[in-house]
C-alpha atoms as a PDB file:
ATOM      1  CA  MET A   1       0.000   0.000   0.000  1.00  0.00           C
ATOM      2  CA  SER A   2       1.396   3.361  -0.922  1.00  0.00           C
ATOM      3  CA  GLN A   3      -1.049   5.658   0.867  1.00  0.00           C
ATOM      4  CA  GLY A   4      -2.810   3.969   3.803  1.00  0.00           C
ATOM      5  CA  ILE A   5      -5.977   4.809   5.699  1.00  0.00           C
ATOM      6  CA  GLY A   6      -6.866   8.495   5.785  1.00  0.00           C
ATOM      7  CA  VAL A   7     -10.295   8.633   7.455  1.00  0.00           C
ATOM      8  CA  VAL A   8     -11.994   6.286   9.903  1.00  0.00           C
ATOM      9  CA  GLY A   9     -15.643   7.191  10.378  1.00  0.00           C
ATOM     10  CA  VAL A  10     -18.032   6.905  13.297  1.00  0.00           C
ATOM     11  CA  TYR A  11     -21.723   7.706  13.315  1.00  0.00           C
ATOM     12  CA  VAL A  12     -22.788  10.460  15.703  1.00  0.00           C
ATOM     13  CA  ARG A  13     -26.307  11.625  16.505  1.00  0.00           C
ATOM     14  CA  ASP A  14     -25.397  15.319  16.504  1.00  0.00           C
ATOM     15  CA  GLN A  15     -22.311  16.629  14.747  1.00  0.00           C
ATOM     16  CA  ASP A  16     -22.093  19.848  16.780  1.00  0.00           C
ATOM     17  CA  GLU A  17     -22.280  17.859  20.024  1.00  0.00           C
ATOM     18  CA  ALA A  18     -19.632  15.436  18.726  1.00  0.00           C
ATOM     19  CA  LEU A  19     -17.393  18.313  17.649  1.00  0.00           C
ATOM     20  CA  ALA A  20     -17.611  19.917  21.100  1.00  0.00           C
ATOM     21  CA  PHE A  21     -16.796  16.564  22.719  1.00  0.00           C
ATOM     22  CA  TYR A  22     -13.847  15.552  20.561  1.00  0.00           C
ATOM     23  CA  VAL A  23     -12.251  19.001  20.352  1.00  0.00           C
ATOM     24  CA  GLY A  24     -13.219  20.528  23.701  1.00  0.00           C
ATOM     25  CA  LYS A  25     -13.015  17.460  25.937  1.00  0.00           C
ATOM     26  CA  VAL A  26     -10.775  14.859  24.300  1.00  0.00           C
ATOM     27  CA  GLY A  27      -8.272  17.271  22.738  1.00  0.00           C
ATOM     28  CA  PHE A  28      -8.558  16.565  19.013  1.00  0.00           C
ATOM     29  CA  ARG A  29      -8.537  19.387  16.459  1.00  0.00           C
ATOM     30  CA  VAL A  30     -10.774  20.092  13.490  1.00  0.00           C
ATOM     31  CA  HIS A  31      -9.391  18.949  10.160  1.00  0.00           C
ATOM     32  CA  THR A  32     -12.333  19.491   7.773  1.00  0.00           C
ATOM     33  CA  ASP A  33     -15.790  20.952   8.279  1.00  0.00           C
ATOM     34  CA  VAL A  34     -17.688  21.503   5.018  1.00  0.00           C
ATOM     35  CA  ARG A  35     -21.327  21.295   4.009  1.00  0.00           C
ATOM     36  CA  ASN A  36     -23.210  20.383   0.889  1.00  0.00           C
ATOM     37  CA  GLY A  37     -26.862  21.122   1.572  1.00  0.00           C
ATOM     38  CA  ASP A  38     -27.908  19.006   4.569  1.00  0.00           C
ATOM     39  CA  TYR A  39     -24.783  16.841   4.289  1.00  0.00           C
ATOM     40  CA  ARG A  40     -21.776  17.767   6.440  1.00  0.00           C
ATOM     41  CA  TRP A  41     -18.283  16.289   6.073  1.00  0.00           C
ATOM     42  CA  LEU A  42     -16.746  16.748   9.512  1.00  0.00           C
ATOM     43  CA  THR A  43     -13.393  15.279  10.484  1.00  0.00           C
ATOM     44  CA  VAL A  44     -11.108  15.740  13.472  1.00  0.00           C
ATOM     45  CA  GLN A  45      -7.637  14.436  14.198  1.00  0.00           C
ATOM     46  CA  HIS A  46      -5.370  13.776  17.117  1.00  0.00           C
ATOM     47  CA  PRO A  47      -2.708  16.512  17.204  1.00  0.00           C
ATOM     48  CA  ASP A  48       0.077  13.904  17.317  1.00  0.00           C
ATOM     49  CA  GLN A  49      -1.302  11.869  14.399  1.00  0.00           C
ATOM     50  CA  PRO A  50      -2.044  14.253  11.516  1.00  0.00           C
ATOM     51  CA  SER A  51      -2.127  11.512   8.869  1.00  0.00           C
ATOM     52  CA  VAL A  52      -5.386   9.986  10.181  1.00  0.00           C
ATOM     53  CA  GLN A  53      -8.750  11.708  10.483  1.00  0.00           C
ATOM     54  CA  LEU A  54     -11.758  10.627  12.541  1.00  0.00           C
ATOM     55  CA  GLY A  55     -14.926  11.291  10.556  1.00  0.00           C
ATOM     56  CA  LEU A  56     -17.883  12.390  12.675  1.00  0.00           C
ATOM     57  CA  PHE A  57     -20.735  11.460  10.366  1.00  0.00           C
ATOM     58  CA  LYS A  58     -24.479  11.668  10.787  1.00  0.00           C
ATOM     59  CA  ALA A  59     -26.485   8.629   9.676  1.00  0.00           C
ATOM     60  CA  GLN A  60     -28.587  10.246   6.952  1.00  0.00           C
ATOM     61  CA  ALA A  61     -29.359  10.465   3.242  1.00  0.00           C
ATOM     62  CA  PRO A  62     -27.855  10.198   0.716  1.00  0.00           C
ATOM     63  CA  VAL A  63     -25.806   7.404   2.317  1.00  0.00           C
ATOM     64  CA  LEU A  64     -28.664   5.770   4.277  1.00  0.00           C
ATOM     65  CA  ASP A  65     -32.440   5.746   4.028  1.00  0.00           C
ATOM     66  CA  ASP A  66     -34.453   6.985   7.046  1.00  0.00           C
ATOM     67  CA  ALA A  67     -35.209   3.536   8.488  1.00  0.00           C
ATOM     68  CA  THR A  68     -31.581   2.431   8.275  1.00  0.00           C
ATOM     69  CA  ALA A  69     -30.379   5.726   9.792  1.00  0.00           C
ATOM     70  CA  GLN A  70     -32.714   5.212  12.769  1.00  0.00           C
ATOM     71  CA  ALA A  71     -31.469   1.640  13.223  1.00  0.00           C
ATOM     72  CA  VAL A  72     -27.822   2.747  13.058  1.00  0.00           C
ATOM     73  CA  ASN A  73     -28.410   5.493  15.630  1.00  0.00           C
ATOM     74  CA  ALA A  74     -30.086   3.008  17.977  1.00  0.00           C
ATOM     75  CA  ILE A  75     -27.205   0.533  17.683  1.00  0.00           C
ATOM     76  CA  VAL A  76     -24.572   3.225  18.276  1.00  0.00           C
ATOM     77  CA  ALA A  77     -26.476   4.609  21.300  1.00  0.00           C
ATOM     78  CA  LYS A  78     -26.404   1.154  22.911  1.00  0.00           C
ATOM     79  CA  GLY A  79     -22.612   1.041  22.624  1.00  0.00           C
ATOM     80  CA  ALA A  80     -22.821  -1.948  20.289  1.00  0.00           C
ATOM     81  CA  MET A  81     -20.187  -0.777  17.810  1.00  0.00           C
ATOM     82  CA  PRO A  82     -16.599  -2.026  18.210  1.00  0.00           C
ATOM     83  CA  PRO A  83     -14.515   0.285  20.403  1.00  0.00           C
ATOM     84  CA  LEU A  84     -11.983   2.683  19.016  1.00  0.00           C
ATOM     85  CA  VAL A  85      -8.544   2.645  20.637  1.00  0.00           C
ATOM     86  CA  LEU A  86      -6.666   5.734  21.766  1.00  0.00           C
ATOM     87  CA  ASN A  87      -2.997   5.108  22.587  1.00  0.00           C
ATOM     88  CA  VAL A  88      -1.592   7.369  25.302  1.00  0.00           C
ATOM     89  CA  ASP A  89       1.728   7.775  27.106  1.00  0.00           C
ATOM     90  CA  ASP A  90       0.160   8.008  30.572  1.00  0.00           C
ATOM     91  CA  CYS A  91      -3.329   6.573  31.024  1.00  0.00           C
ATOM     92  CA  HIS A  92      -3.780   7.944  34.547  1.00  0.00           C
ATOM     93  CA  ALA A  93      -2.787  11.488  33.536  1.00  0.00           C
ATOM     94  CA  GLU A  94      -5.031  11.460  30.434  1.00  0.00           C
ATOM     95  CA  TYR A  95      -7.884  10.022  32.496  1.00  0.00           C
ATOM     96  CA  GLU A  96      -7.599  12.908  34.987  1.00  0.00           C
ATOM     97  CA  ARG A  97      -7.255  15.544  32.223  1.00  0.00           C
ATOM     98  CA  MET A  98     -10.228  14.243  30.283  1.00  0.00           C
ATOM     99  CA  ARG A  99     -12.404  13.794  33.396  1.00  0.00           C
ATOM    100  CA  ALA A 100     -11.632  17.405  34.331  1.00  0.00           C
ATOM    101  CA  ASN A 101     -12.865  18.357  30.842  1.00  0.00           C
ATOM    102  CA  GLY A 102     -16.150  16.497  31.392  1.00  0.00           C
ATOM    103  CA  VAL A 103     -15.515  13.097  29.778  1.00  0.00           C
ATOM    104  CA  GLU A 104     -17.483  10.382  31.578  1.00  0.00           C
ATOM    105  CA  PHE A 105     -15.548   7.147  31.869  1.00  0.00           C
ATOM    106  CA  THR A 106     -17.146   3.715  32.057  1.00  0.00           C
ATOM    107  CA  GLN A 107     -13.938   2.249  33.504  1.00  0.00           C
ATOM    108  CA  ALA A 108     -11.164   3.956  35.459  1.00  0.00           C
ATOM    109  CA  PRO A 109      -7.537   3.118  34.583  1.00  0.00           C
ATOM    110  CA  GLU A 110      -6.738  -0.489  35.348  1.00  0.00           C
ATOM    111  CA  ALA A 111      -3.471  -2.405  34.978  1.00  0.00           C
ATOM    112  CA  ARG A 112      -3.813  -5.710  33.141  1.00  0.00           C
ATOM    113  CA  TYR A 113      -2.135  -7.754  30.442  1.00  0.00           C
ATOM    114  CA  GLY A 114       0.987  -5.584  30.608  1.00  0.00           C
ATOM    115  CA  ASN A 115      -0.949  -2.369  29.894  1.00  0.00           C
ATOM    116  CA  VAL A 116      -3.021   0.238  31.688  1.00  0.00           C
ATOM    117  CA  ASP A 117      -6.384   0.966  30.111  1.00  0.00           C
ATOM    118  CA  ALA A 118      -9.571   2.939  30.713  1.00  0.00           C
ATOM    119  CA  ASN A 119     -12.887   3.144  28.829  1.00  0.00           C
ATOM    120  CA  PHE A 120     -15.182   6.017  27.896  1.00  0.00           C
ATOM    121  CA  ARG A 121     -18.021   6.686  25.480  1.00  0.00           C
ATOM    122  CA  ASP A 122     -18.761   9.714  23.367  1.00  0.00           C
ATOM    123  CA  PRO A 123     -22.180  11.445  23.609  1.00  0.00           C
ATOM    124  CA  SER A 124     -23.530   9.267  20.778  1.00  0.00           C
ATOM    125  CA  GLY A 125     -22.519   6.001  22.475  1.00  0.00           C
ATOM    126  CA  ASN A 126     -19.323   5.149  20.575  1.00  0.00           C
ATOM    127  CA  GLY A 127     -16.973   3.274  22.873  1.00  0.00           C
ATOM    128  CA  TRP A 128     -13.311   4.112  23.344  1.00  0.00           C
ATOM    129  CA  LYS A 129     -10.544   2.145  25.007  1.00  0.00           C
ATOM    130  CA  MET A 130      -7.643   4.339  26.096  1.00  0.00           C
ATOM    131  CA  ILE A 131      -4.457   2.277  26.421  1.00  0.00           C
ATOM    132  CA  GLU A 132      -1.027   2.964  27.857  1.00  0.00           C
ATOM    133  CA  SER A 133       1.193   0.132  26.694  1.00  0.00           C
ATOM    134  CA  ARG A 134       3.817  -0.891  29.243  1.00  0.00           C
ATOM    135  CA  ARG A 135       5.303  -3.330  26.718  1.00  0.00           C
ATOM    136  CA  ALA A 136       6.511  -0.513  24.475  1.00  0.00           C
ATOM    137  CA  ALA A 137       8.559   0.914  27.342  1.00  0.00           C
ATOM    138  CA  HIS A 138      10.733  -2.220  27.601  1.00  0.00           C
END
């Protein structure tokens, strides 16, 4: 592969709410925010990983019909989608920083399997696993 993955998308119920969460609470930055009628292409990126964007997409036409969009939103809200993984240098420090910014965690940092990890969900229900790998330090 000569280029690699550029955008990984997640469905969000409200793009403005998702933008406030990912930029204001998690610490990402806006990459692209453009509209074409009712459709909005909104991506953010981690400041230390500019080659990958996280697409914050609304389940809607023209990609999905109304019934499918409702089903997708219901599945996401239940936390049924596979978790995204955020690698961090210090899980405890990031946990405290993000909690202070209003992120609600579903699991506090816990040491296991040679790592320290914590879990949180975004306002739409997308699950995140935040991992500090102890193995990489050896």
